[in-house]
Amino acid sequence: MLFTGEYEHTIDAKLRLAIPSEIRSRLDPERHGSAFYLAPGPDGVIWIWPEKTFEEMAGAMAQSLLPDENLLDFEQYLFPNSHRVDLDKSGRIRLPERMLREAAIESSVVILGVRDHLELRDPAHWAEQRREKLARQHEIMLRARQALQHTTRSNGVERTGE
């Protein structure tokens, strides 16, 4: 599923957040699961992954009795700090208090659609980051294009006309 858009929402007194109806209406329980995983992201962000997407990504990580030290550090950080949350009948999920506190998110939140997941951010912090990204838009797009070209070449596909 492709997540896009920016939504401003509130977190209620019971720490519940409504997933935007535009997103919920496109979720297929067979394909995406009936729950979400919340995971800590960088810089005060909470990532929200559809259940099956998160589980597929976890399964795709290299498995070994002697894992790479960097991967082991990542796994020891990510998985103990992640939470599976069910979507209630009203389309809400309950956010863990500790996770909200660590992300410095209070009662207002911005939900961003970021390709294959959602991100929860503090609105003031996001407004500042958004302004910075807009000021560097050309540079960001150029770097992304270069990264895509590198990835395409690394995968053995040569693109012409660029």
C-alpha atoms as a PDB file:
ATOM      1  CA  MET A   1       0.000   0.000   0.000  1.00  0.00           C
ATOM      2  CA  LEU A   2       1.269   3.447  -0.841  1.00  0.00           C
ATOM      3  CA  PHE A   3       0.899   5.957   1.998  1.00  0.00           C
ATOM      4  CA  THR A   4       0.824   9.637   1.086  1.00  0.00           C
ATOM      5  CA  GLY A   5      -0.533  12.839   2.534  1.00  0.00           C
ATOM      6  CA  GLU A   6      -0.360  14.872   5.707  1.00  0.00           C
ATOM      7  CA  TYR A   7      -3.084  14.801   8.361  1.00  0.00           C
ATOM      8  CA  GLU A   8      -3.469  16.767  11.587  1.00  0.00           C
ATOM      9  CA  HIS A   9      -5.147  14.824  14.385  1.00  0.00           C
ATOM     10  CA  THR A  10      -5.510  14.813  18.134  1.00  0.00           C
ATOM     11  CA  ILE A  11      -4.754  12.097  20.638  1.00  0.00           C
ATOM     12  CA  ASP A  12      -7.592  11.624  23.114  1.00  0.00           C
ATOM     13  CA  ALA A  13      -7.320  11.324  26.905  1.00  0.00           C
ATOM     14  CA  LYS A  14      -7.074   7.515  26.610  1.00  0.00           C
ATOM     15  CA  LEU A  15      -4.076   7.914  24.251  1.00  0.00           C
ATOM     16  CA  ARG A  16      -6.054   6.810  21.198  1.00  0.00           C
ATOM     17  CA  LEU A  17      -5.408   8.106  17.714  1.00  0.00           C
ATOM     18  CA  ALA A  18      -7.833   7.767  14.812  1.00  0.00           C
ATOM     19  CA  ILE A  19      -6.179   6.489  11.660  1.00  0.00           C
ATOM     20  CA  PRO A  20      -7.430   8.766   8.841  1.00  0.00           C
ATOM     21  CA  SER A  21     -10.474   7.314   7.081  1.00  0.00           C
ATOM     22  CA  GLU A  22      -8.806   7.769   3.662  1.00  0.00           C
ATOM     23  CA  ILE A  23      -6.118   5.337   4.812  1.00  0.00           C
ATOM     24  CA  ARG A  24      -8.407   2.900   6.638  1.00  0.00           C
ATOM     25  CA  SER A  25     -10.663   2.577   3.605  1.00  0.00           C
ATOM     26  CA  ARG A  26      -7.753   1.256   1.531  1.00  0.00           C
ATOM     27  CA  LEU A  27      -6.497  -1.276   4.066  1.00  0.00           C
ATOM     28  CA  ASP A  28      -7.168  -4.890   3.138  1.00  0.00           C
ATOM     29  CA  PRO A  29      -7.015  -7.226   6.164  1.00  0.00           C
ATOM     30  CA  GLU A  30      -5.940 -10.137   3.946  1.00  0.00           C
ATOM     31  CA  ARG A  31      -3.049  -8.206   2.450  1.00  0.00           C
ATOM     32  CA  HIS A  32      -2.100  -5.769   5.237  1.00  0.00           C
ATOM     33  CA  GLY A  33      -3.339  -7.484   8.398  1.00  0.00           C
ATOM     34  CA  SER A  34      -5.792  -6.223  10.977  1.00  0.00           C
ATOM     35  CA  ALA A  35      -3.326  -4.410  13.236  1.00  0.00           C
ATOM     36  CA  PHE A  36      -0.339  -2.090  13.105  1.00  0.00           C
ATOM     37  CA  TYR A  37       3.151  -2.091  14.548  1.00  0.00           C
ATOM     38  CA  LEU A  38       4.451   1.073  16.161  1.00  0.00           C
ATOM     39  CA  ALA A  39       8.219   1.466  16.078  1.00  0.00           C
ATOM     40  CA  PRO A  40      10.567   4.249  17.134  1.00  0.00           C
ATOM     41  CA  GLY A  41      11.944   6.199  14.222  1.00  0.00           C
ATOM     42  CA  PRO A  42      14.735   8.741  14.130  1.00  0.00           C
ATOM     43  CA  ASP A  43      14.494  12.239  15.575  1.00  0.00           C
ATOM     44  CA  GLY A  44      11.325  11.912  17.663  1.00  0.00           C
ATOM     45  CA  VAL A  45       9.252  10.077  15.075  1.00  0.00           C
ATOM     46  CA  ILE A  46       6.922   7.142  15.642  1.00  0.00           C
ATOM     47  CA  TRP A  47       6.651   4.834  12.640  1.00  0.00           C
ATOM     48  CA  ILE A  48       3.379   2.995  12.016  1.00  0.00           C
ATOM     49  CA  TRP A  49       3.618  -0.092   9.834  1.00  0.00           C
ATOM     50  CA  PRO A  50       0.749  -2.293   8.654  1.00  0.00           C
ATOM     51  CA  GLU A  51       1.015  -5.601  10.504  1.00  0.00           C
ATOM     52  CA  LYS A  52       1.951  -7.801   7.545  1.00  0.00           C
ATOM     53  CA  THR A  53       4.396  -5.259   6.070  1.00  0.00           C
ATOM     54  CA  PHE A  54       6.311  -5.050   9.365  1.00  0.00           C
ATOM     55  CA  GLU A  55       6.364  -8.834   9.751  1.00  0.00           C
ATOM     56  CA  GLU A  56       7.580  -9.312   6.155  1.00  0.00           C
ATOM     57  CA  MET A  57      10.386  -6.785   6.694  1.00  0.00           C
ATOM     58  CA  ALA A  58      11.382  -8.502   9.935  1.00  0.00           C
ATOM     59  CA  GLY A  59      11.443 -11.857   8.158  1.00  0.00           C
ATOM     60  CA  ALA A  60      13.564 -10.467   5.323  1.00  0.00           C
ATOM     61  CA  MET A  61      16.373  -9.455   7.686  1.00  0.00           C
ATOM     62  CA  ALA A  62      19.360 -11.773   7.449  1.00  0.00           C
ATOM     63  CA  GLN A  63      19.104 -14.577   9.989  1.00  0.00           C
ATOM     64  CA  SER A  64      22.242 -15.999  11.477  1.00  0.00           C
ATOM     65  CA  LEU A  65      23.548 -17.373  14.745  1.00  0.00           C
ATOM     66  CA  LEU A  66      26.303 -14.757  14.399  1.00  0.00           C
ATOM     67  CA  PRO A  67      24.582 -11.646  13.031  1.00  0.00           C
ATOM     68  CA  ASP A  68      26.405  -8.546  11.887  1.00  0.00           C
ATOM     69  CA  GLU A  69      27.075  -6.264  14.865  1.00  0.00           C
ATOM     70  CA  ASN A  70      25.264  -3.298  13.276  1.00  0.00           C
ATOM     71  CA  LEU A  71      22.203  -5.403  12.477  1.00  0.00           C
ATOM     72  CA  LEU A  72      22.227  -6.864  15.983  1.00  0.00           C
ATOM     73  CA  ASP A  73      22.329  -3.365  17.524  1.00  0.00           C
ATOM     74  CA  PHE A  74      19.433  -2.309  15.283  1.00  0.00           C
ATOM     75  CA  GLU A  75      17.351  -5.379  16.136  1.00  0.00           C
ATOM     76  CA  GLN A  76      18.031  -4.985  19.871  1.00  0.00           C
ATOM     77  CA  TYR A  77      16.813  -1.399  19.647  1.00  0.00           C
ATOM     78  CA  LEU A  78      13.891  -1.779  17.244  1.00  0.00           C
ATOM     79  CA  PHE A  79      12.038  -4.910  18.295  1.00  0.00           C
ATOM     80  CA  PRO A  80      11.953  -4.440  22.096  1.00  0.00           C
ATOM     81  CA  ASN A  81      10.700  -0.875  21.561  1.00  0.00           C
ATOM     82  CA  SER A  82       8.033  -1.810  19.000  1.00  0.00           C
ATOM     83  CA  HIS A  83       4.391  -2.476  19.843  1.00  0.00           C
ATOM     84  CA  ARG A  84       1.636  -4.330  18.013  1.00  0.00           C
ATOM     85  CA  VAL A  85      -1.639  -2.397  18.298  1.00  0.00           C
ATOM     86  CA  ASP A  86      -5.096  -3.358  17.140  1.00  0.00           C
ATOM     87  CA  LEU A  87      -7.426  -1.058  15.266  1.00  0.00           C
ATOM     88  CA  ASP A  88     -10.646  -0.655  17.270  1.00  0.00           C
ATOM     89  CA  LYS A  89     -14.155  -0.499  15.783  1.00  0.00           C
ATOM     90  CA  SER A  90     -13.893   3.291  15.507  1.00  0.00           C
ATOM     91  CA  GLY A  91     -10.630   3.105  13.533  1.00  0.00           C
ATOM     92  CA  ARG A  92      -8.371   4.100  16.430  1.00  0.00           C
ATOM     93  CA  ILE A  93      -5.160   2.696  17.824  1.00  0.00           C
ATOM     94  CA  ARG A  94      -3.883   3.127  21.383  1.00  0.00           C
ATOM     95  CA  LEU A  95      -0.467   4.720  21.601  1.00  0.00           C
ATOM     96  CA  PRO A  96       1.919   3.632  24.378  1.00  0.00           C
ATOM     97  CA  GLU A  97       2.539   6.465  26.832  1.00  0.00           C
ATOM     98  CA  ARG A  98       6.299   5.855  26.981  1.00  0.00           C
ATOM     99  CA  MET A  99       6.578   5.999  23.205  1.00  0.00           C
ATOM    100  CA  LEU A 100       4.700   9.310  23.080  1.00  0.00           C
ATOM    101  CA  ARG A 101       6.859  10.740  25.860  1.00  0.00           C
ATOM    102  CA  GLU A 102      10.108   9.690  24.159  1.00  0.00           C
ATOM    103  CA  ALA A 103       8.926  11.225  20.880  1.00  0.00           C
ATOM    104  CA  ALA A 104       7.836  14.435  22.684  1.00  0.00           C
ATOM    105  CA  ILE A 105       4.344  14.096  21.204  1.00  0.00           C
ATOM    106  CA  GLU A 106       1.470  15.426  23.275  1.00  0.00           C
ATOM    107  CA  SER A 107      -2.204  15.796  22.345  1.00  0.00           C
ATOM    108  CA  SER A 108      -1.727  17.097  18.788  1.00  0.00           C
ATOM    109  CA  VAL A 109       0.004  15.085  16.124  1.00  0.00           C
ATOM    110  CA  VAL A 110       0.778  15.196  12.427  1.00  0.00           C
ATOM    111  CA  ILE A 111       0.391  11.908  10.547  1.00  0.00           C
ATOM    112  CA  LEU A 112       2.522  11.674   7.426  1.00  0.00           C
ATOM    113  CA  GLY A 113       2.148   9.084   4.682  1.00  0.00           C
ATOM    114  CA  VAL A 114       5.705   8.066   3.773  1.00  0.00           C
ATOM    115  CA  ARG A 115       5.542   5.487   0.999  1.00  0.00           C
ATOM    116  CA  ASP A 116       5.196   2.184   2.897  1.00  0.00           C
ATOM    117  CA  HIS A 117       4.465   3.464   6.418  1.00  0.00           C
ATOM    118  CA  LEU A 118       2.986   6.319   8.412  1.00  0.00           C
ATOM    119  CA  GLU A 119       4.920   8.662  10.668  1.00  0.00           C
ATOM    120  CA  LEU A 120       3.666  10.459  13.767  1.00  0.00           C
ATOM    121  CA  ARG A 121       5.353  13.769  14.531  1.00  0.00           C
ATOM    122  CA  ASP A 122       4.971  16.689  16.873  1.00  0.00           C
ATOM    123  CA  PRO A 123       3.269  19.424  14.772  1.00  0.00           C
ATOM    124  CA  ALA A 124       5.665  22.249  15.744  1.00  0.00           C
ATOM    125  CA  HIS A 125       8.744  20.112  15.144  1.00  0.00           C
ATOM    126  CA  TRP A 126       7.358  18.922  11.799  1.00  0.00           C
ATOM    127  CA  ALA A 127       6.555  22.506  10.697  1.00  0.00           C
ATOM    128  CA  GLU A 128      10.187  23.458  11.322  1.00  0.00           C
ATOM    129  CA  GLN A 129      11.540  20.387   9.501  1.00  0.00           C
ATOM    130  CA  ARG A 130       9.117  20.936   6.626  1.00  0.00           C
ATOM    131  CA  ARG A 131      10.360  24.523   6.160  1.00  0.00           C
ATOM    132  CA  GLU A 132      13.965  23.283   6.168  1.00  0.00           C
ATOM    133  CA  LYS A 133      13.173  20.576   3.613  1.00  0.00           C
ATOM    134  CA  LEU A 134      11.341  23.039   1.365  1.00  0.00           C
ATOM    135  CA  ALA A 135      14.376  25.356   1.450  1.00  0.00           C
ATOM    136  CA  ARG A 136      16.563  22.415   0.357  1.00  0.00           C
ATOM    137  CA  GLN A 137      14.053  20.896  -2.058  1.00  0.00           C
ATOM    138  CA  HIS A 138      16.339  21.047  -5.106  1.00  0.00           C
ATOM    139  CA  GLU A 139      19.254  19.451  -3.249  1.00  0.00           C
ATOM    140  CA  ILE A 140      17.015  16.713  -1.783  1.00  0.00           C
ATOM    141  CA  MET A 141      15.553  15.853  -5.185  1.00  0.00           C
ATOM    142  CA  LEU A 142      19.005  15.774  -6.812  1.00  0.00           C
ATOM    143  CA  ARG A 143      20.388  13.448  -4.110  1.00  0.00           C
ATOM    144  CA  ALA A 144      17.346  11.172  -4.432  1.00  0.00           C
ATOM    145  CA  ARG A 145      17.785  10.996  -8.201  1.00  0.00           C
ATOM    146  CA  GLN A 146      21.467  10.101  -7.794  1.00  0.00           C
ATOM    147  CA  ALA A 147      20.623   7.433  -5.201  1.00  0.00           C
ATOM    148  CA  LEU A 148      17.974   5.935  -7.498  1.00  0.00           C
ATOM    149  CA  GLN A 149      20.410   5.858 -10.409  1.00  0.00           C
ATOM    150  CA  HIS A 150      23.021   4.165  -8.218  1.00  0.00           C
ATOM    151  CA  THR A 151      20.472   1.612  -6.989  1.00  0.00           C
ATOM    152  CA  THR A 152      19.302   0.925 -10.527  1.00  0.00           C
ATOM    153  CA  ARG A 153      22.884   0.345 -11.700  1.00  0.00           C
ATOM    154  CA  SER A 154      23.645  -1.827  -8.666  1.00  0.00           C
ATOM    155  CA  ASN A 155      20.645  -4.013  -9.505  1.00  0.00           C
ATOM    156  CA  GLY A 156      22.006  -4.583 -13.005  1.00  0.00           C
ATOM    157  CA  VAL A 157      19.505  -2.383 -14.812  1.00  0.00           C
ATOM    158  CA  GLU A 158      21.007   0.329 -16.976  1.00  0.00           C
ATOM    159  CA  ARG A 159      18.705   3.246 -17.747  1.00  0.00           C
ATOM    160  CA  THR A 160      19.102   5.257 -20.918  1.00  0.00           C
ATOM    161  CA  GLY A 161      18.212   8.827 -21.698  1.00  0.00           C
ATOM    162  CA  GLU A 162      19.463  10.260 -18.402  1.00  0.00           C
END
